[in-house]
Amino acid sequence: TKAAWKLQEIVAHSSSVSAVVLGKSSGRLLATGGEDCRVNLWSVNKPNCVMSLTGHTTPVESIRFNASEDLIVAGSQSGSLRVWDMEAAKILRTLMGHKANITSLDFHPYGEYIAS
């Protein structure tokens, strides 16, 4: 038997991509974070960026969707976390508790808690 994989190449950022996550609920969303300090949102199987979220001033190193995929959190090299409402395309919260870069984070599955 043969296994085949369809690969799609996209230009996600103006510099290196340092984080990527797929939406687990719908399977239709993809987010990328990069050294250009942006979080870009993509519709799977579409070549163009749907939305670009700004606010970080240092490279984005980790990103996650919440369970309902209406919020996204990104952690940066400076140690800041930003939470965006994707429908409104605006920052809901900026958290500054870390003293170093944030390499891993996640939403709690039943609430709006974030671990980093």
PDB file of N, CA and C in Angstrom:
ATOM      1  N   THR A   1       0.837  -1.189   0.000  1.00  0.00           N
ATOM      2  CA  THR A   1       0.000   0.000   0.000  1.00  0.00           C
ATOM      3  C   THR A   1       0.877   1.246   0.000  1.00  0.00           C
ATOM      4  N   LYS A   2       0.347   2.259  -0.631  1.00  0.00           N
ATOM      5  CA  LYS A   2       1.048   3.532  -0.700  1.00  0.00           C
ATOM      6  C   LYS A   2       0.374   4.548   0.208  1.00  0.00           C
ATOM      7  N   ALA A   3       1.176   5.355   0.854  1.00  0.00           N
ATOM      8  CA  ALA A   3       0.661   6.466   1.647  1.00  0.00           C
ATOM      9  C   ALA A   3       1.008   7.761   0.935  1.00  0.00           C
ATOM     10  N   ALA A   4       0.054   8.646   0.816  1.00  0.00           N
ATOM     11  CA  ALA A   4       0.293   9.922   0.146  1.00  0.00           C
ATOM     12  C   ALA A   4      -0.049  11.065   1.087  1.00  0.00           C
ATOM     13  N   TRP A   5       0.736  12.102   1.036  1.00  0.00           N
ATOM     14  CA  TRP A   5       0.514  13.282   1.858  1.00  0.00           C
ATOM     15  C   TRP A   5       0.453  14.491   0.955  1.00  0.00           C
ATOM     16  N   LYS A   6      -0.561  15.293   1.122  1.00  0.00           N
ATOM     17  CA  LYS A   6      -0.667  16.533   0.375  1.00  0.00           C
ATOM     18  C   LYS A   6      -0.076  17.641   1.234  1.00  0.00           C
ATOM     19  N   LEU A   7       0.971  18.245   0.766  1.00  0.00           N
ATOM     20  CA  LEU A   7       1.621  19.328   1.490  1.00  0.00           C
ATOM     21  C   LEU A   7       1.302  20.648   0.812  1.00  0.00           C
ATOM     22  N   GLN A   8       1.109  21.652   1.612  1.00  0.00           N
ATOM     23  CA  GLN A   8       0.859  22.982   1.082  1.00  0.00           C
ATOM     24  C   GLN A   8       1.874  23.927   1.701  1.00  0.00           C
ATOM     25  N   GLU A   9       2.506  24.702   0.888  1.00  0.00           N
ATOM     26  CA  GLU A   9       3.493  25.651   1.371  1.00  0.00           C
ATOM     27  C   GLU A   9       2.892  27.047   1.355  1.00  0.00           C
ATOM     28  N   ILE A  10       3.022  27.743   2.477  1.00  0.00           N
ATOM     29  CA  ILE A  10       2.539  29.114   2.567  1.00  0.00           C
ATOM     30  C   ILE A  10       3.653  29.987   3.130  1.00  0.00           C
ATOM     31  N   VAL A  11       3.642  31.242   2.779  1.00  0.00           N
ATOM     32  CA  VAL A  11       4.565  32.205   3.377  1.00  0.00           C
ATOM     33  C   VAL A  11       3.824  32.817   4.550  1.00  0.00           C
ATOM     34  N   ALA A  12       4.185  32.383   5.752  1.00  0.00           N
ATOM     35  CA  ALA A  12       3.412  32.726   6.940  1.00  0.00           C
ATOM     36  C   ALA A  12       3.830  34.049   7.581  1.00  0.00           C
ATOM     37  N   HIS A  13       5.102  34.382   7.533  1.00  0.00           N
ATOM     38  CA  HIS A  13       5.622  35.563   8.220  1.00  0.00           C
ATOM     39  C   HIS A  13       6.762  36.165   7.417  1.00  0.00           C
ATOM     40  N   SER A  14       7.120  37.384   7.774  1.00  0.00           N
ATOM     41  CA  SER A  14       8.231  38.057   7.086  1.00  0.00           C
ATOM     42  C   SER A  14       9.585  37.548   7.570  1.00  0.00           C
ATOM     43  N   SER A  15       9.580  36.756   8.648  1.00  0.00           N
ATOM     44  CA  SER A  15      10.806  36.133   9.164  1.00  0.00           C
ATOM     45  C   SER A  15      10.448  34.731   9.653  1.00  0.00           C
ATOM     46  N   SER A  16      11.279  34.136  10.479  1.00  0.00           N
ATOM     47  CA  SER A  16      11.083  32.743  10.900  1.00  0.00           C
ATOM     48  C   SER A  16       9.782  32.525  11.667  1.00  0.00           C
ATOM     49  N   VAL A  17       9.185  31.353  11.456  1.00  0.00           N
ATOM     50  CA  VAL A  17       8.027  30.911  12.226  1.00  0.00           C
ATOM     51  C   VAL A  17       8.545  30.147  13.435  1.00  0.00           C
ATOM     52  N   SER A  18       8.086  30.517  14.630  1.00  0.00           N
ATOM     53  CA  SER A  18       8.578  29.878  15.845  1.00  0.00           C
ATOM     54  C   SER A  18       7.501  29.092  16.585  1.00  0.00           C
ATOM     55  N   ALA A  19       6.238  29.190  16.152  1.00  0.00           N
ATOM     56  CA  ALA A  19       5.153  28.446  16.794  1.00  0.00           C
ATOM     57  C   ALA A  19       4.042  28.188  15.789  1.00  0.00           C
ATOM     58  N   VAL A  20       3.395  27.047  15.936  1.00  0.00           N
ATOM     59  CA  VAL A  20       2.259  26.699  15.079  1.00  0.00           C
ATOM     60  C   VAL A  20       1.287  25.844  15.884  1.00  0.00           C
ATOM     61  N   VAL A  21      -0.008  26.042  15.650  1.00  0.00           N
ATOM     62  CA  VAL A  21      -1.023  25.241  16.324  1.00  0.00           C
ATOM     63  C   VAL A  21      -2.228  25.075  15.399  1.00  0.00           C
ATOM     64  N   LEU A  22      -2.812  23.885  15.441  1.00  0.00           N
ATOM     65  CA  LEU A  22      -4.046  23.601  14.709  1.00  0.00           C
ATOM     66  C   LEU A  22      -5.210  23.643  15.688  1.00  0.00           C
ATOM     67  N   GLY A  23      -6.345  24.179  15.252  1.00  0.00           N
ATOM     68  CA  GLY A  23      -7.548  24.166  16.070  1.00  0.00           C
ATOM     69  C   GLY A  23      -8.061  22.746  16.192  1.00  0.00           C
ATOM     70  N   LYS A  24      -8.216  22.268  17.417  1.00  0.00           N
ATOM     71  CA  LYS A  24      -8.607  20.868  17.628  1.00  0.00           C
ATOM     72  C   LYS A  24     -10.101  20.644  17.492  1.00  0.00           C
ATOM     73  N   SER A  25     -10.921  21.650  17.761  1.00  0.00           N
ATOM     74  CA  SER A  25     -12.373  21.477  17.694  1.00  0.00           C
ATOM     75  C   SER A  25     -12.867  21.368  16.259  1.00  0.00           C
ATOM     76  N   SER A  26     -12.535  22.364  15.458  1.00  0.00           N
ATOM     77  CA  SER A  26     -13.043  22.400  14.086  1.00  0.00           C
ATOM     78  C   SER A  26     -12.104  21.723  13.098  1.00  0.00           C
ATOM     79  N   GLY A  27     -10.823  21.744  13.396  1.00  0.00           N
ATOM     80  CA  GLY A  27      -9.844  21.244  12.436  1.00  0.00           C
ATOM     81  C   GLY A  27      -9.683  22.153  11.237  1.00  0.00           C
ATOM     82  N   ARG A  28     -10.253  23.340  11.311  1.00  0.00           N
ATOM     83  CA  ARG A  28     -10.228  24.269  10.169  1.00  0.00           C
ATOM     84  C   ARG A  28      -9.335  25.478  10.374  1.00  0.00           C
ATOM     85  N   LEU A  29      -8.848  25.676  11.600  1.00  0.00           N
ATOM     86  CA  LEU A  29      -8.029  26.842  11.902  1.00  0.00           C
ATOM     87  C   LEU A  29      -6.583  26.450  12.136  1.00  0.00           C
ATOM     88  N   LEU A  30      -5.696  27.319  11.702  1.00  0.00           N
ATOM     89  CA  LEU A  30      -4.267  27.174  11.914  1.00  0.00           C
ATOM     90  C   LEU A  30      -3.759  28.532  12.352  1.00  0.00           C
ATOM     91  N   ALA A  31      -2.893  28.555  13.348  1.00  0.00           N
ATOM     92  CA  ALA A  31      -2.270  29.804  13.785  1.00  0.00           C
ATOM     93  C   ALA A  31      -0.763  29.634  13.769  1.00  0.00           C
ATOM     94  N   THR A  32      -0.082  30.683  13.362  1.00  0.00           N
ATOM     95  CA  THR A  32       1.373  30.693  13.368  1.00  0.00           C
ATOM     96  C   THR A  32       1.860  31.912  14.139  1.00  0.00           C
ATOM     97  N   GLY A  33       2.974  31.754  14.832  1.00  0.00           N
ATOM     98  CA  GLY A  33       3.609  32.861  15.538  1.00  0.00           C
ATOM     99  C   GLY A  33       5.032  32.987  15.043  1.00  0.00           C
ATOM    100  N   GLY A  34       5.522  34.209  14.953  1.00  0.00           N
ATOM    101  CA  GLY A  34       6.835  34.361  14.359  1.00  0.00           C
ATOM    102  C   GLY A  34       7.721  35.396  15.000  1.00  0.00           C
ATOM    103  N   GLU A  35       8.917  35.446  14.455  1.00  0.00           N
ATOM    104  CA  GLU A  35       9.916  36.419  14.911  1.00  0.00           C
ATOM    105  C   GLU A  35       9.528  37.843  14.541  1.00  0.00           C
ATOM    106  N   ASP A  36       8.520  37.999  13.693  1.00  0.00           N
ATOM    107  CA  ASP A  36       8.022  39.332  13.345  1.00  0.00           C
ATOM    108  C   ASP A  36       7.027  39.862  14.380  1.00  0.00           C
ATOM    109  N   CYS A  37       6.875  39.131  15.504  1.00  0.00           N
ATOM    110  CA  CYS A  37       6.040  39.527  16.651  1.00  0.00           C
ATOM    111  C   CYS A  37       4.549  39.451  16.361  1.00  0.00           C
ATOM    112  N   ARG A  38       4.148  38.739  15.327  1.00  0.00           N
ATOM    113  CA  ARG A  38       2.745  38.621  14.937  1.00  0.00           C
ATOM    114  C   ARG A  38       2.219  37.211  15.168  1.00  0.00           C
ATOM    115  N   VAL A  39       0.892  37.122  15.320  1.00  0.00           N
ATOM    116  CA  VAL A  39       0.178  35.854  15.297  1.00  0.00           C
ATOM    117  C   VAL A  39      -0.712  35.909  14.061  1.00  0.00           C
ATOM    118  N   ASN A  40      -0.496  34.997  13.132  1.00  0.00           N
ATOM    119  CA  ASN A  40      -1.292  34.961  11.906  1.00  0.00           C
ATOM    120  C   ASN A  40      -2.253  33.789  11.955  1.00  0.00           C
ATOM    121  N   LEU A  41      -3.493  34.038  11.541  1.00  0.00           N
ATOM    122  CA  LEU A  41      -4.538  33.016  11.522  1.00  0.00           C
ATOM    123  C   LEU A  41      -4.832  32.622  10.084  1.00  0.00           C
ATOM    124  N   TRP A  42      -5.034  31.325   9.899  1.00  0.00           N
ATOM    125  CA  TRP A  42      -5.232  30.754   8.568  1.00  0.00           C
ATOM    126  C   TRP A  42      -6.434  29.833   8.583  1.00  0.00           C
ATOM    127  N   SER A  43      -7.102  29.751   7.466  1.00  0.00           N
ATOM    128  CA  SER A  43      -8.125  28.739   7.255  1.00  0.00           C
ATOM    129  C   SER A  43      -7.414  27.590   6.543  1.00  0.00           C
ATOM    130  N   VAL A  44      -7.506  26.377   7.103  1.00  0.00           N
ATOM    131  CA  VAL A  44      -6.805  25.229   6.526  1.00  0.00           C
ATOM    132  C   VAL A  44      -7.230  25.066   5.062  1.00  0.00           C
ATOM    133  N   ASN A  45      -6.286  24.783   4.216  1.00  0.00           N
ATOM    134  CA  ASN A  45      -6.455  24.620   2.764  1.00  0.00           C
ATOM    135  C   ASN A  45      -6.633  25.924   2.006  1.00  0.00           C
ATOM    136  N   LYS A  46      -6.399  27.056   2.665  1.00  0.00           N
ATOM    137  CA  LYS A  46      -6.432  28.351   1.987  1.00  0.00           C
ATOM    138  C   LYS A  46      -5.030  28.954   2.052  1.00  0.00           C
ATOM    139  N   PRO A  47      -4.561  29.535   0.964  1.00  0.00           N
ATOM    140  CA  PRO A  47      -3.178  30.035   0.936  1.00  0.00           C
ATOM    141  C   PRO A  47      -2.971  31.399   1.587  1.00  0.00           C
ATOM    142  N   ASN A  48      -4.054  32.132   1.870  1.00  0.00           N
ATOM    143  CA  ASN A  48      -3.892  33.494   2.379  1.00  0.00           C
ATOM    144  C   ASN A  48      -4.242  33.601   3.857  1.00  0.00           C
ATOM    145  N   CYS A  49      -3.529  34.478   4.525  1.00  0.00           N
ATOM    146  CA  CYS A  49      -3.760  34.755   5.943  1.00  0.00           C
ATOM    147  C   CYS A  49      -5.147  35.381   6.114  1.00  0.00           C
ATOM    148  N   VAL A  50      -5.920  34.874   7.067  1.00  0.00           N
ATOM    149  CA  VAL A  50      -7.261  35.384   7.341  1.00  0.00           C
ATOM    150  C   VAL A  50      -7.200  36.620   8.239  1.00  0.00           C
ATOM    151  N   MET A  51      -6.272  36.593   9.203  1.00  0.00           N
ATOM    152  CA  MET A  51      -6.164  37.679  10.172  1.00  0.00           C
ATOM    153  C   MET A  51      -4.744  37.703  10.731  1.00  0.00           C
ATOM    154  N   SER A  52      -4.240  38.901  10.985  1.00  0.00           N
ATOM    155  CA  SER A  52      -2.931  39.054  11.606  1.00  0.00           C
ATOM    156  C   SER A  52      -3.103  39.853  12.894  1.00  0.00           C
ATOM    157  N   LEU A  53      -2.710  39.238  14.014  1.00  0.00           N
ATOM    158  CA  LEU A  53      -2.876  39.855  15.328  1.00  0.00           C
ATOM    159  C   LEU A  53      -1.552  40.445  15.791  1.00  0.00           C
ATOM    160  N   THR A  54      -1.593  41.686  16.214  1.00  0.00           N
ATOM    161  CA  THR A  54      -0.375  42.376  16.649  1.00  0.00           C
ATOM    162  C   THR A  54      -0.509  42.783  18.110  1.00  0.00           C
ATOM    163  N   GLY A  55       0.600  43.175  18.683  1.00  0.00           N
ATOM    164  CA  GLY A  55       0.628  43.625  20.072  1.00  0.00           C
ATOM    165  C   GLY A  55       1.911  43.244  20.771  1.00  0.00           C
ATOM    166  N   HIS A  56       2.474  42.103  20.392  1.00  0.00           N
ATOM    167  CA  HIS A  56       3.753  41.711  20.991  1.00  0.00           C
ATOM    168  C   HIS A  56       4.870  42.574  20.422  1.00  0.00           C
ATOM    169  N   THR A  57       5.872  42.838  21.238  1.00  0.00           N
ATOM    170  CA  THR A  57       7.017  43.626  20.790  1.00  0.00           C
ATOM    171  C   THR A  57       8.282  42.783  20.670  1.00  0.00           C
ATOM    172  N   THR A  58       8.183  41.506  21.052  1.00  0.00           N
ATOM    173  CA  THR A  58       9.276  40.556  20.878  1.00  0.00           C
ATOM    174  C   THR A  58       8.703  39.309  20.196  1.00  0.00           C
ATOM    175  N   PRO A  59       9.553  38.450  19.634  1.00  0.00           N
ATOM    176  CA  PRO A  59       9.061  37.284  18.894  1.00  0.00           C
ATOM    177  C   PRO A  59       8.094  36.409  19.689  1.00  0.00           C
ATOM    178  N   VAL A  60       7.086  35.898  18.991  1.00  0.00           N
ATOM    179  CA  VAL A  60       6.098  34.986  19.558  1.00  0.00           C
ATOM    180  C   VAL A  60       6.700  33.588  19.577  1.00  0.00           C
ATOM    181  N   GLU A  61       6.670  32.921  20.741  1.00  0.00           N
ATOM    182  CA  GLU A  61       7.286  31.609  20.878  1.00  0.00           C
ATOM    183  C   GLU A  61       6.310  30.479  21.150  1.00  0.00           C
ATOM    184  N   SER A  62       5.060  30.806  21.528  1.00  0.00           N
ATOM    185  CA  SER A  62       4.071  29.761  21.791  1.00  0.00           C
ATOM    186  C   SER A  62       2.674  30.336  21.571  1.00  0.00           C
ATOM    187  N   ILE A  63       1.762  29.486  21.074  1.00  0.00           N
ATOM    188  CA  ILE A  63       0.379  29.905  20.822  1.00  0.00           C
ATOM    189  C   ILE A  63      -0.570  28.745  21.061  1.00  0.00           C
ATOM    190  N   ARG A  64      -1.802  29.056  21.465  1.00  0.00           N
ATOM    191  CA  ARG A  64      -2.849  28.043  21.667  1.00  0.00           C
ATOM    192  C   ARG A  64      -4.218  28.665  21.462  1.00  0.00           C
ATOM    193  N   PHE A  65      -5.142  27.870  20.929  1.00  0.00           N
ATOM    194  CA  PHE A  65      -6.557  28.234  20.869  1.00  0.00           C
ATOM    195  C   PHE A  65      -7.228  27.737  22.142  1.00  0.00           C
ATOM    196  N   ASN A  66      -8.316  28.402  22.562  1.00  0.00           N
ATOM    197  CA  ASN A  66      -9.132  27.826  23.624  1.00  0.00           C
ATOM    198  C   ASN A  66     -10.023  26.755  23.004  1.00  0.00           C
ATOM    199  N   ALA A  67     -10.793  26.033  23.835  1.00  0.00           N
ATOM    200  CA  ALA A  67     -11.579  24.894  23.356  1.00  0.00           C
ATOM    201  C   ALA A  67     -12.610  25.282  22.307  1.00  0.00           C
ATOM    202  N   SER A  68     -13.215  26.454  22.432  1.00  0.00           N
ATOM    203  CA  SER A  68     -14.227  26.874  21.461  1.00  0.00           C
ATOM    204  C   SER A  68     -13.639  27.638  20.276  1.00  0.00           C
ATOM    205  N   GLU A  69     -12.333  27.838  20.281  1.00  0.00           N
ATOM    206  CA  GLU A  69     -11.603  28.490  19.192  1.00  0.00           C
ATOM    207  C   GLU A  69     -12.070  29.915  18.913  1.00  0.00           C
ATOM    208  N   ASP A  70     -12.512  30.613  19.962  1.00  0.00           N
ATOM    209  CA  ASP A  70     -12.837  32.024  19.783  1.00  0.00           C
ATOM    210  C   ASP A  70     -11.810  32.932  20.463  1.00  0.00           C
ATOM    211  N   LEU A  71     -10.910  32.316  21.240  1.00  0.00           N
ATOM    212  CA  LEU A  71      -9.797  33.039  21.858  1.00  0.00           C
ATOM    213  C   LEU A  71      -8.496  32.372  21.466  1.00  0.00           C
ATOM    214  N   ILE A  72      -7.450  33.176  21.412  1.00  0.00           N
ATOM    215  CA  ILE A  72      -6.106  32.637  21.190  1.00  0.00           C
ATOM    216  C   ILE A  72      -5.160  33.347  22.144  1.00  0.00           C
ATOM    217  N   VAL A  73      -4.204  32.593  22.694  1.00  0.00           N
ATOM    218  CA  VAL A  73      -3.202  33.167  23.585  1.00  0.00           C
ATOM    219  C   VAL A  73      -1.833  32.956  22.942  1.00  0.00           C
ATOM    220  N   ALA A  74      -0.967  33.940  23.108  1.00  0.00           N
ATOM    221  CA  ALA A  74       0.394  33.847  22.578  1.00  0.00           C
ATOM    222  C   ALA A  74       1.370  34.309  23.642  1.00  0.00           C
ATOM    223  N   GLY A  75       2.461  33.564  23.772  1.00  0.00           N
ATOM    224  CA  GLY A  75       3.532  33.915  24.693  1.00  0.00           C
ATOM    225  C   GLY A  75       4.740  34.372  23.909  1.00  0.00           C
ATOM    226  N   SER A  76       5.438  35.357  24.436  1.00  0.00           N
ATOM    227  CA  SER A  76       6.547  35.942  23.691  1.00  0.00           C
ATOM    228  C   SER A  76       7.888  35.772  24.401  1.00  0.00           C
ATOM    229  N   GLN A  77       8.914  36.168  23.697  1.00  0.00           N
ATOM    230  CA  GLN A  77      10.278  36.104  24.199  1.00  0.00           C
ATOM    231  C   GLN A  77      10.482  36.998  25.419  1.00  0.00           C
ATOM    232  N   SER A  78       9.704  38.068  25.519  1.00  0.00           N
ATOM    233  CA  SER A  78       9.848  38.999  26.654  1.00  0.00           C
ATOM    234  C   SER A  78       9.196  38.483  27.929  1.00  0.00           C
ATOM    235  N   GLY A  79       8.401  37.396  27.828  1.00  0.00           N
ATOM    236  CA  GLY A  79       7.698  36.861  28.983  1.00  0.00           C
ATOM    237  C   GLY A  79       6.280  37.358  29.111  1.00  0.00           C
ATOM    238  N   SER A  80       5.779  38.071  28.116  1.00  0.00           N
ATOM    239  CA  SER A  80       4.397  38.547  28.175  1.00  0.00           C
ATOM    240  C   SER A  80       3.468  37.573  27.454  1.00  0.00           C
ATOM    241  N   LEU A  81       2.231  37.511  27.968  1.00  0.00           N
ATOM    242  CA  LEU A  81       1.154  36.736  27.338  1.00  0.00           C
ATOM    243  C   LEU A  81       0.119  37.721  26.840  1.00  0.00           C
ATOM    244  N   ARG A  82      -0.429  37.458  25.663  1.00  0.00           N
ATOM    245  CA  ARG A  82      -1.539  38.267  25.170  1.00  0.00           C
ATOM    246  C   ARG A  82      -2.658  37.335  24.756  1.00  0.00           C
ATOM    247  N   VAL A  83      -3.881  37.696  25.150  1.00  0.00           N
ATOM    248  CA  VAL A  83      -5.066  36.931  24.805  1.00  0.00           C
ATOM    249  C   VAL A  83      -5.908  37.798  23.875  1.00  0.00           C
ATOM    250  N   TRP A  84      -6.235  37.246  22.704  1.00  0.00           N
ATOM    251  CA  TRP A  84      -7.062  37.954  21.730  1.00  0.00           C
ATOM    252  C   TRP A  84      -8.433  37.314  21.610  1.00  0.00           C
ATOM    253  N   ASP A  85      -9.443  38.148  21.436  1.00  0.00           N
ATOM    254  CA  ASP A  85     -10.768  37.724  20.998  1.00  0.00           C
ATOM    255  C   ASP A  85     -10.690  37.714  19.473  1.00  0.00           C
ATOM    256  N   MET A  86     -10.809  36.542  18.882  1.00  0.00           N
ATOM    257  CA  MET A  86     -10.605  36.443  17.434  1.00  0.00           C
ATOM    258  C   MET A  86     -11.748  37.042  16.627  1.00  0.00           C
ATOM    259  N   GLU A  87     -12.953  37.023  17.165  1.00  0.00           N
ATOM    260  CA  GLU A  87     -14.074  37.610  16.428  1.00  0.00           C
ATOM    261  C   GLU A  87     -13.944  39.128  16.350  1.00  0.00           C
ATOM    262  N   ALA A  88     -13.567  39.745  17.460  1.00  0.00           N
ATOM    263  CA  ALA A  88     -13.395  41.198  17.501  1.00  0.00           C
ATOM    264  C   ALA A  88     -12.006  41.628  17.039  1.00  0.00           C
ATOM    265  N   ALA A  89     -11.083  40.670  16.930  1.00  0.00           N
ATOM    266  CA  ALA A  89      -9.693  40.936  16.539  1.00  0.00           C
ATOM    267  C   ALA A  89      -9.040  41.964  17.462  1.00  0.00           C
ATOM    268  N   LYS A  90      -9.280  41.812  18.776  1.00  0.00           N
ATOM    269  CA  LYS A  90      -8.656  42.741  19.714  1.00  0.00           C
ATOM    270  C   LYS A  90      -8.098  42.007  20.927  1.00  0.00           C
ATOM    271  N   ILE A  91      -7.123  42.635  21.552  1.00  0.00           N
ATOM    272  CA  ILE A  91      -6.490  42.070  22.745  1.00  0.00           C
ATOM    273  C   ILE A  91      -7.445  42.221  23.925  1.00  0.00           C
ATOM    274  N   LEU A  92      -7.712  41.105  24.600  1.00  0.00           N
ATOM    275  CA  LEU A  92      -8.540  41.126  25.807  1.00  0.00           C
ATOM    276  C   LEU A  92      -7.706  41.353  27.056  1.00  0.00           C
ATOM    277  N   ARG A  93      -6.542  40.704  27.106  1.00  0.00           N
ATOM    278  CA  ARG A  93      -5.676  40.794  28.283  1.00  0.00           C
ATOM    279  C   ARG A  93      -4.208  40.725  27.875  1.00  0.00           C
ATOM    280  N   THR A  94      -3.399  41.424  28.643  1.00  0.00           N
ATOM    281  CA  THR A  94      -1.949  41.307  28.559  1.00  0.00           C
ATOM    282  C   THR A  94      -1.461  40.951  29.949  1.00  0.00           C
ATOM    283  N   LEU A  95      -0.751  39.839  30.057  1.00  0.00           N
ATOM    284  CA  LEU A  95      -0.244  39.362  31.349  1.00  0.00           C
ATOM    285  C   LEU A  95       1.281  39.416  31.331  1.00  0.00           C
ATOM    286  N   MET A  96       1.853  39.968  32.389  1.00  0.00           N
ATOM    287  CA  MET A  96       3.292  40.221  32.415  1.00  0.00           C
ATOM    288  C   MET A  96       4.014  39.514  33.556  1.00  0.00           C
ATOM    289  N   GLY A  97       3.565  38.340  34.004  1.00  0.00           N
ATOM    290  CA  GLY A  97       4.112  37.699  35.192  1.00  0.00           C
ATOM    291  C   GLY A  97       5.441  36.985  35.033  1.00  0.00           C
ATOM    292  N   HIS A  98       5.860  36.683  33.809  1.00  0.00           N
ATOM    293  CA  HIS A  98       7.098  35.926  33.613  1.00  0.00           C
ATOM    294  C   HIS A  98       8.310  36.844  33.488  1.00  0.00           C
ATOM    295  N   LYS A  99       9.453  36.310  33.904  1.00  0.00           N
ATOM    296  CA  LYS A  99      10.694  37.073  33.797  1.00  0.00           C
ATOM    297  C   LYS A  99      11.547  36.633  32.619  1.00  0.00           C
ATOM    298  N   ALA A 100      11.101  35.592  31.922  1.00  0.00           N
ATOM    299  CA  ALA A 100      11.834  35.077  30.765  1.00  0.00           C
ATOM    300  C   ALA A 100      10.825  34.634  29.704  1.00  0.00           C
ATOM    301  N   ASN A 101      11.327  34.125  28.593  1.00  0.00           N
ATOM    302  CA  ASN A 101      10.469  33.752  27.470  1.00  0.00           C
ATOM    303  C   ASN A 101       9.474  32.648  27.837  1.00  0.00           C
ATOM    304  N   ILE A 102       8.344  32.630  27.132  1.00  0.00           N
ATOM    305  CA  ILE A 102       7.282  31.649  27.360  1.00  0.00           C
ATOM    306  C   ILE A 102       7.306  30.657  26.199  1.00  0.00           C
ATOM    307  N   THR A 103       7.757  29.450  26.483  1.00  0.00           N
ATOM    308  CA  THR A 103       7.919  28.450  25.430  1.00  0.00           C
ATOM    309  C   THR A 103       6.767  27.460  25.360  1.00  0.00           C
ATOM    310  N   SER A 104       5.893  27.458  26.366  1.00  0.00           N
ATOM    311  CA  SER A 104       4.765  26.535  26.361  1.00  0.00           C
ATOM    312  C   SER A 104       3.615  27.140  27.153  1.00  0.00           C
ATOM    313  N   LEU A 105       2.398  26.952  26.669  1.00  0.00           N
ATOM    314  CA  LEU A 105       1.210  27.445  27.357  1.00  0.00           C
ATOM    315  C   LEU A 105      -0.012  26.688  26.866  1.00  0.00           C
ATOM    316  N   ASP A 106      -1.114  26.791  27.635  1.00  0.00           N
ATOM    317  CA  ASP A 106      -2.350  26.141  27.215  1.00  0.00           C
ATOM    318  C   ASP A 106      -3.518  26.692  28.013  1.00  0.00           C
ATOM    319  N   PHE A 107      -4.707  26.592  27.411  1.00  0.00           N
ATOM    320  CA  PHE A 107      -5.959  26.925  28.087  1.00  0.00           C
ATOM    321  C   PHE A 107      -6.441  25.711  28.866  1.00  0.00           C
ATOM    322  N   HIS A 108      -7.090  25.948  29.996  1.00  0.00           N
ATOM    323  CA  HIS A 108      -7.791  24.880  30.706  1.00  0.00           C
ATOM    324  C   HIS A 108      -8.997  24.484  29.871  1.00  0.00           C
ATOM    325  N   PRO A 109      -9.318  23.181  29.743  1.00  0.00           N
ATOM    326  CA  PRO A 109     -10.405  22.767  28.837  1.00  0.00           C
ATOM    327  C   PRO A 109     -11.803  23.186  29.281  1.00  0.00           C
ATOM    328  N   TYR A 110     -12.032  23.511  30.564  1.00  0.00           N
ATOM    329  CA  TYR A 110     -13.384  23.823  31.033  1.00  0.00           C
ATOM    330  C   TYR A 110     -13.595  25.272  31.398  1.00  0.00           C
ATOM    331  N   GLY A 111     -12.572  26.073  31.319  1.00  0.00           N
ATOM    332  CA  GLY A 111     -12.724  27.463  31.720  1.00  0.00           C
ATOM    333  C   GLY A 111     -11.724  28.332  30.985  1.00  0.00           C
ATOM    334  N   GLU A 112     -11.665  29.557  31.401  1.00  0.00           N
ATOM    335  CA  GLU A 112     -10.771  30.486  30.728  1.00  0.00           C
ATOM    336  C   GLU A 112      -9.486  30.713  31.515  1.00  0.00           C
ATOM    337  N   TYR A 113      -8.974  29.641  32.112  1.00  0.00           N
ATOM    338  CA  TYR A 113      -7.681  29.684  32.795  1.00  0.00           C
ATOM    339  C   TYR A 113      -6.587  29.382  31.797  1.00  0.00           C
ATOM    340  N   ILE A 114      -5.418  29.954  32.036  1.00  0.00           N
ATOM    341  CA  ILE A 114      -4.264  29.721  31.169  1.00  0.00           C
ATOM    342  C   ILE A 114      -3.099  29.272  32.038  1.00  0.00           C
ATOM    343  N   ALA A 115      -2.416  28.217  31.601  1.00  0.00           N
ATOM    344  CA  ALA A 115      -1.189  27.792  32.270  1.00  0.00           C
ATOM    345  C   ALA A 115      -0.028  28.100  31.336  1.00  0.00           C
ATOM    346  N   SER A 116       1.073  28.584  31.903  1.00  0.00           N
ATOM    347  CA  SER A 116       2.257  28.880  31.081  1.00  0.00           C
ATOM    348  C   SER A 116       3.523  28.611  31.869  1.00  0.00           C
TER     349      SER A 116
END
